[in-house]
């Protein structure tokens, strides 16, 4: 295995661990394709559990880019929902 591919796989695994820390389940699956459409990786909620499905047939760079983007978006949503304590003055 080339060193670059090994680094990419390590990066993907680190992102999956980060997702788990955010209570997001990441599943890498063969997404079925039919004539007329192409399946893509995506995020959904199953029985209250947030799940990200990665297309295992997609290039690893695409999987990393998608997962990193989803986690970044989730972090932004979480920080927007949290009050910013620096805006409050003590009296």
Protein backbone atom coordinates (compact mmCIF):
# COMPACT_ATOMS: atom_id res chain seq x y z
CA UNK A 1 0.00 0.00 0.00
CA UNK A 2 1.40 3.39 -0.91
CA UNK A 3 2.22 5.83 1.85
CA UNK A 4 -0.25 8.41 0.49
CA UNK A 5 -3.10 5.89 0.49
CA UNK A 6 -2.17 4.82 4.02
CA UNK A 7 -2.32 8.48 5.16
CA UNK A 8 -5.72 8.90 3.51
CA UNK A 9 -7.10 5.79 5.19
CA UNK A 10 -5.74 7.00 8.55
CA UNK A 11 -7.39 10.41 7.95
CA UNK A 12 -10.71 8.73 7.17
CA UNK A 13 -10.50 6.62 10.33
CA UNK A 14 -9.73 9.74 12.40
CA UNK A 15 -12.81 11.45 10.96
CA UNK A 16 -14.93 8.40 11.80
CA UNK A 17 -13.64 8.49 15.39
CA UNK A 18 -14.44 12.23 15.54
CA UNK A 19 -17.95 11.52 14.31
CA UNK A 20 -18.40 8.86 16.98
CA UNK A 21 -17.36 11.44 19.58
CA UNK A 22 -20.17 13.65 18.27
CA UNK A 23 -22.62 10.74 18.63
CA UNK A 24 -22.80 10.20 14.86
CA UNK A 25 -22.65 6.68 13.47
CA UNK A 26 -20.66 6.40 10.22
CA UNK A 27 -21.37 3.42 8.00
CA UNK A 28 -19.37 2.63 4.87
CA UNK A 29 -21.58 0.67 2.52
CA UNK A 30 -22.01 -0.26 -1.09
CA UNK A 31 -24.79 2.09 -2.11
CA UNK A 32 -27.03 0.46 -4.68
CA UNK A 33 -27.32 1.99 -8.10
CA UNK A 34 -30.05 1.53 -10.69
CA UNK A 35 -30.28 2.70 -14.26
CA UNK A 36 -31.07 6.39 -14.33
CA UNK A 37 -29.61 7.52 -11.00
CA UNK A 38 -26.38 7.52 -9.07
CA UNK A 39 -26.27 7.01 -5.31
CA UNK A 40 -24.30 9.48 -3.18
CA UNK A 41 -23.06 9.50 0.39
CA UNK A 42 -25.46 11.24 2.75
CA UNK A 43 -26.67 11.94 6.27
CA UNK A 44 -29.92 10.78 7.84
CA UNK A 45 -31.50 9.94 11.18
CA UNK A 46 -32.51 6.35 11.98
CA UNK A 47 -34.56 5.78 15.14
CA UNK A 48 -33.17 9.00 16.61
CA UNK A 49 -29.54 8.13 15.79
CA UNK A 50 -27.74 10.44 13.38
CA UNK A 51 -26.09 8.33 10.66
CA UNK A 52 -23.72 9.19 7.83
CA UNK A 53 -23.58 6.69 4.98
CA UNK A 54 -20.38 6.71 2.93
CA UNK A 55 -20.30 5.11 -0.50
CA UNK A 56 -17.48 2.60 -0.17
CA UNK A 57 -17.03 2.55 -3.96
CA UNK A 58 -16.32 6.30 -4.03
CA UNK A 59 -12.66 7.33 -4.11
CA UNK A 60 -11.24 7.65 -0.59
CA UNK A 61 -10.51 11.33 -1.18
CA UNK A 62 -14.21 11.91 -1.92
CA UNK A 63 -15.19 10.01 1.23
CA UNK A 64 -12.83 12.15 3.31
CA UNK A 65 -14.07 15.37 1.72
CA UNK A 66 -17.72 14.46 2.28
CA UNK A 67 -17.28 13.32 5.88
CA UNK A 68 -15.10 16.32 6.81
CA UNK A 69 -17.72 18.64 5.32
CA UNK A 70 -20.59 16.98 7.20
CA UNK A 71 -18.71 17.11 10.51
CA UNK A 72 -17.77 20.75 9.94
CA UNK A 73 -21.40 21.58 9.20
CA UNK A 74 -22.53 19.74 12.33
CA UNK A 75 -19.98 21.64 14.46
CA UNK A 76 -21.19 24.94 13.03
CA UNK A 77 -24.81 24.03 13.81
CA UNK A 78 -23.88 23.02 17.35
CA UNK A 79 -21.95 26.21 18.04
CA UNK A 80 -24.77 28.34 16.59
CA UNK A 81 -27.23 26.65 18.96
CA UNK A 82 -25.00 27.24 22.01
CA UNK A 83 -25.14 30.65 23.69
CA UNK A 84 -21.98 32.69 23.40
CA UNK A 85 -21.11 33.54 26.99
CA UNK A 86 -18.73 36.31 25.90
CA UNK A 87 -21.75 38.47 25.02
CA UNK A 88 -23.05 38.57 28.57
CA UNK A 89 -21.93 41.15 31.11
CA UNK A 90 -21.69 40.36 34.78
CA UNK A 91 -23.67 42.73 37.01
